[in-house]
Amino acid sequence: MTDYTPLHLDWPGCLNVRDLGGLPLTGGGAIRGRVLVRSECPSYLTDAGLAAATAYGLGRIIDLRRPEELVEWPSRLAGGTTLHLPVQGPGDPEEGPWVHLYQGMLDRRPELFARAVAAIADAPEGPVLVHCAAGKDRTGLVVALALTLAGADVDALADDYEVTNERLAPRYVEREAEPGYDRPAERRVPPTRHVILGALEHLTARHGGVEAYLARGGLTPGHVRALRARLIG
């Protein structure tokens, strides 16, 4: 655990919006503010939340959801600044406990994760918002990859990941009460910081690290330089 305190943004309707500015880097320094934001799906935004999100001056919105999710839960922020970049392919399974789920997603789709990270690197001026449905799994992985490339302190990165459980707890309670809702038994306990740490360790053990993994998916050295310039100046 670290002393890092996430910067929660008040976008009414959404519970899980954080600007990652201030997250410490290994060896000193921190991620710049107003460059990388993570959230759940903006379909939850109220009118006041939409106004707050719009006022933040987003330069790009990266929506990691599958096409069918876009139809069921359309984003209130959809527009010219939005890129739909799913990190799962049609028919990709979502199997097993959290650790296996994340490892499978990463192993199957390096090109899709590389594309998402590249979209952060080459975004126009303004904060980049990365989101999926809950802002936990797909968003957690893409954000962790980008932060790792920037040299983020891994414990602070894991602290930020786990904060999502607390932020989304009220929504989980509502979902559990819905008729017919049945979360897979192996994922009824929210993932801890060790899940994202395990995913990063898996990339090191199997793929030679985050940068080598993303390079295999098509991320270029130019993307890496641009990402680091954006996130740390």
Protein backbone atom coordinates (compact mmCIF):
# COMPACT_ATOMS: atom_id res chain seq x y z
CA MET A 1 0.00 0.00 0.00
CA THR A 2 1.10 3.57 -0.69
CA ASP A 3 0.18 7.09 0.39
CA TYR A 4 -1.37 7.82 -3.00
CA THR A 5 -4.87 9.31 -2.80
CA PRO A 6 -6.89 8.98 -6.03
CA LEU A 7 -8.52 12.12 -7.40
CA HIS A 8 -12.22 11.33 -7.71
CA LEU A 9 -14.15 13.49 -10.17
CA ASP A 10 -17.71 14.51 -9.40
CA TRP A 11 -19.61 13.57 -12.54
CA PRO A 12 -23.11 12.90 -11.18
CA GLY A 13 -24.52 9.53 -12.16
CA CYS A 14 -21.09 7.91 -12.46
CA LEU A 15 -19.50 6.53 -9.31
CA ASN A 16 -16.10 5.47 -10.56
CA VAL A 17 -14.40 8.43 -12.26
CA ARG A 18 -10.78 9.17 -11.38
CA ASP A 19 -8.13 11.48 -12.80
CA LEU A 20 -4.87 9.56 -12.46
CA GLY A 21 -2.80 12.70 -12.01
CA GLY A 22 -0.55 12.49 -8.96
CA LEU A 23 -0.05 8.72 -9.12
CA PRO A 24 3.63 8.32 -8.17
CA LEU A 25 6.35 7.08 -10.48
CA THR A 26 9.12 4.69 -9.59
CA GLY A 27 12.11 6.78 -8.56
CA GLY A 28 10.17 9.99 -8.01
CA GLY A 29 7.76 12.25 -9.81
CA ALA A 30 4.13 11.58 -10.67
CA ILE A 31 1.67 11.18 -13.51
CA ARG A 32 0.55 14.58 -14.76
CA GLY A 33 -2.94 15.77 -13.92
CA ARG A 34 -5.70 16.12 -16.50
CA VAL A 35 -4.10 13.73 -18.97
CA LEU A 36 -5.61 10.30 -18.15
CA VAL A 37 -9.04 9.63 -16.64
CA ARG A 38 -10.76 6.31 -16.02
CA SER A 39 -14.46 5.63 -15.47
CA GLU A 40 -17.38 3.30 -15.88
CA CYS A 41 -19.77 3.66 -18.81
CA PRO A 42 -20.91 7.28 -19.33
CA SER A 43 -24.44 6.01 -19.97
CA TYR A 44 -24.91 6.48 -16.21
CA LEU A 45 -24.33 10.24 -16.37
CA THR A 46 -27.16 12.52 -15.33
CA ASP A 47 -27.62 15.83 -17.13
CA ALA A 48 -25.45 17.44 -14.45
CA GLY A 49 -22.88 14.69 -14.87
CA LEU A 50 -22.83 15.19 -18.62
CA ALA A 51 -22.22 18.90 -18.11
CA ALA A 52 -19.35 18.19 -15.68
CA ALA A 53 -17.75 15.66 -18.02
CA THR A 54 -18.07 18.00 -20.98
CA ALA A 55 -16.56 20.86 -18.99
CA TYR A 56 -13.48 18.72 -18.25
CA GLY A 57 -12.39 19.27 -21.85
CA LEU A 58 -11.81 15.68 -22.91
CA GLY A 59 -9.60 15.35 -25.95
CA ARG A 60 -10.43 11.70 -26.61
CA ILE A 61 -12.77 9.06 -25.22
CA ILE A 62 -11.71 5.43 -25.57
CA ASP A 63 -14.65 3.03 -25.21
CA LEU A 64 -13.42 -0.54 -24.69
CA ARG A 65 -16.81 -2.24 -24.79
CA ARG A 66 -18.06 -4.82 -27.27
CA PRO A 67 -20.38 -3.61 -30.09
CA GLU A 68 -23.47 -5.14 -28.50
CA GLU A 69 -22.83 -3.23 -25.29
CA LEU A 70 -22.84 0.05 -27.19
CA VAL A 71 -26.37 -0.71 -28.38
CA GLU A 72 -27.69 -1.75 -24.98
CA TRP A 73 -25.98 1.03 -23.01
CA PRO A 74 -25.29 3.96 -25.35
CA SER A 75 -22.75 6.45 -24.03
CA ARG A 76 -23.99 9.95 -23.29
CA LEU A 77 -20.52 11.19 -24.30
CA ALA A 78 -20.51 9.52 -27.72
CA GLY A 79 -19.38 11.87 -30.45
CA GLY A 80 -16.49 12.96 -32.60
CA THR A 81 -13.94 12.48 -29.83
CA THR A 82 -14.90 8.85 -29.16
CA LEU A 83 -13.03 5.77 -30.40
CA HIS A 84 -14.68 2.38 -29.97
CA LEU A 85 -11.77 0.01 -29.37
CA PRO A 86 -12.92 -3.27 -27.81
CA VAL A 87 -10.15 -5.37 -26.30
CA GLN A 88 -12.11 -8.59 -26.81
CA GLY A 89 -13.02 -10.27 -30.07
CA PRO A 90 -16.40 -11.74 -31.02
CA GLY A 91 -16.95 -14.93 -29.09
CA ASP A 92 -13.98 -14.47 -26.74
CA PRO A 93 -14.76 -16.42 -23.55
CA GLU A 94 -14.94 -14.84 -20.12
CA GLU A 95 -13.94 -17.83 -18.10
CA GLY A 96 -12.73 -18.63 -14.63
CA PRO A 97 -11.71 -16.56 -11.62
CA TRP A 98 -10.36 -13.03 -11.96
CA VAL A 99 -6.70 -13.94 -12.45
CA HIS A 100 -7.46 -16.43 -15.23
CA LEU A 101 -9.91 -14.03 -16.86
CA TYR A 102 -7.28 -11.30 -17.12
CA GLN A 103 -4.52 -13.58 -18.31
CA GLY A 104 -6.78 -15.03 -21.00
CA MET A 105 -7.83 -11.60 -22.23
CA LEU A 106 -4.22 -10.46 -22.49
CA ASP A 107 -2.90 -13.63 -24.13
CA ARG A 108 -5.62 -13.70 -26.79
CA ARG A 109 -5.59 -10.07 -27.91
CA PRO A 110 -2.22 -8.27 -27.76
CA GLU A 111 -3.11 -6.35 -30.93
CA LEU A 112 -6.29 -4.97 -29.38
CA PHE A 113 -4.61 -3.90 -26.15
CA ALA A 114 -1.77 -2.33 -28.14
CA ARG A 115 -4.31 -0.42 -30.23
CA ALA A 116 -5.99 0.95 -27.09
CA VAL A 117 -2.69 2.07 -25.55
CA ALA A 118 -1.64 3.66 -28.85
CA ALA A 119 -4.91 5.62 -28.84
CA ILE A 120 -3.89 7.17 -25.51
CA ALA A 121 -0.44 8.01 -26.87
CA ASP A 122 -1.59 9.72 -30.06
CA ALA A 123 -4.70 11.45 -28.73
CA PRO A 124 -5.29 15.13 -29.46
CA GLU A 125 -4.75 17.72 -26.75
CA GLY A 126 -6.88 17.31 -23.64
CA PRO A 127 -7.53 14.59 -21.06
CA VAL A 128 -8.07 11.06 -22.37
CA LEU A 129 -10.97 9.14 -20.83
CA VAL A 130 -10.72 5.33 -20.86
CA HIS A 131 -13.86 3.40 -19.94
CA CYS A 132 -15.65 0.10 -20.37
CA ALA A 133 -18.84 -0.95 -18.57
CA ALA A 134 -17.83 -0.86 -14.91
CA GLY A 135 -14.43 0.76 -15.36
CA LYS A 136 -12.80 -2.18 -13.60
CA ASP A 137 -11.55 -5.07 -15.77
CA ARG A 138 -10.93 -3.87 -19.33
CA THR A 139 -10.29 -0.32 -18.18
CA GLY A 140 -8.12 -1.60 -15.34
CA LEU A 141 -5.95 -3.57 -17.73
CA VAL A 142 -5.51 -0.82 -20.34
CA VAL A 143 -4.77 1.80 -17.70
CA ALA A 144 -2.30 -0.53 -15.97
CA LEU A 145 -0.47 -1.14 -19.24
CA ALA A 146 -0.22 2.59 -20.00
CA LEU A 147 0.86 3.48 -16.47
CA THR A 148 3.47 0.72 -16.41
CA LEU A 149 4.99 2.02 -19.66
CA ALA A 150 5.17 5.46 -18.05
CA GLY A 151 7.07 4.05 -15.07
CA ALA A 152 4.30 4.20 -12.47
CA ASP A 153 4.92 2.81 -9.02
CA VAL A 154 3.36 -0.64 -9.19
CA ASP A 155 1.98 -0.51 -5.64
CA ALA A 156 0.27 2.81 -6.32
CA LEU A 157 -1.12 1.39 -9.55
CA ALA A 158 -2.55 -1.56 -7.62
CA ASP A 159 -3.99 0.74 -4.96
CA ASP A 160 -5.82 2.70 -7.63
CA TYR A 161 -7.15 -0.49 -9.22
CA GLU A 162 -8.64 -1.73 -5.94
CA VAL A 163 -10.36 1.59 -5.21
CA THR A 164 -12.94 0.65 -7.85
CA ASN A 165 -14.44 -1.96 -5.50
CA GLU A 166 -15.32 0.69 -2.94
CA ARG A 167 -16.61 3.14 -5.53
CA LEU A 168 -18.89 0.62 -7.23
CA ALA A 169 -20.16 -1.10 -4.07
CA PRO A 170 -23.55 0.71 -4.12
CA ARG A 171 -24.16 -0.35 -7.72
CA TYR A 172 -23.21 -3.96 -6.97
CA VAL A 173 -25.83 -4.00 -4.20
CA GLU A 174 -28.46 -2.76 -6.67
CA ARG A 175 -27.48 -5.33 -9.30
CA GLU A 176 -27.59 -8.22 -6.85
CA ALA A 177 -31.20 -7.30 -6.04
CA GLU A 178 -32.31 -7.41 -9.68
CA PRO A 179 -34.53 -10.42 -10.55
CA GLY A 180 -32.61 -13.04 -12.48
CA TYR A 181 -29.19 -11.48 -11.96
CA ASP A 182 -26.60 -14.20 -11.41
CA ARG A 183 -22.93 -13.29 -11.19
CA PRO A 184 -20.56 -16.23 -11.89
CA ALA A 185 -19.72 -17.95 -8.61
CA GLU A 186 -15.96 -17.62 -9.11
CA ARG A 187 -16.30 -13.83 -9.44
CA ARG A 188 -18.73 -13.00 -6.65
CA VAL A 189 -15.87 -11.69 -4.53
CA PRO A 190 -14.55 -8.41 -6.00
CA PRO A 191 -10.96 -8.57 -7.29
CA THR A 192 -8.18 -7.37 -5.03
CA ARG A 193 -5.02 -5.49 -5.96
CA HIS A 194 -3.29 -8.86 -6.34
CA VAL A 195 -5.33 -9.55 -9.49
CA ILE A 196 -3.84 -6.64 -11.44
CA LEU A 197 -0.40 -7.34 -9.98
CA GLY A 198 -0.79 -10.96 -11.12
CA ALA A 199 -1.69 -9.81 -14.63
CA LEU A 200 1.45 -7.69 -14.85
CA GLU A 201 3.58 -10.51 -13.45
CA HIS A 202 2.07 -12.84 -16.04
CA LEU A 203 3.13 -10.47 -18.83
CA THR A 204 6.67 -10.47 -17.49
CA ALA A 205 6.83 -14.24 -17.15
CA ARG A 206 5.18 -15.15 -20.45
CA HIS A 207 5.76 -12.18 -22.75
CA GLY A 208 8.92 -10.50 -21.47
CA GLY A 209 7.17 -7.55 -19.86
CA VAL A 210 4.55 -4.95 -20.75
CA GLU A 211 6.56 -3.17 -23.43
CA ALA A 212 7.54 -6.40 -25.21
CA TYR A 213 3.95 -7.66 -25.04
CA LEU A 214 2.53 -4.47 -26.55
CA ALA A 215 5.25 -4.34 -29.21
CA ARG A 216 4.16 -7.83 -30.27
CA GLY A 217 0.69 -6.37 -30.70
CA GLY A 218 1.94 -3.49 -32.86
CA LEU A 219 2.81 -0.70 -30.42
CA THR A 220 5.80 1.18 -31.82
CA PRO A 221 8.71 2.89 -30.02
CA GLY A 222 7.21 6.17 -31.23
CA HIS A 223 3.98 5.35 -29.41
CA VAL A 224 5.93 4.59 -26.24
CA ARG A 225 7.77 7.92 -26.42
CA ALA A 226 4.54 9.80 -27.09
CA LEU A 227 2.77 8.05 -24.21
CA ARG A 228 5.53 8.89 -21.77
CA ALA A 229 5.62 12.50 -22.96
CA ARG A 230 1.88 12.77 -22.45
CA LEU A 231 1.73 11.13 -19.02
CA ILE A 232 4.89 12.45 -17.40
CA GLY A 233 5.99 15.42 -19.56
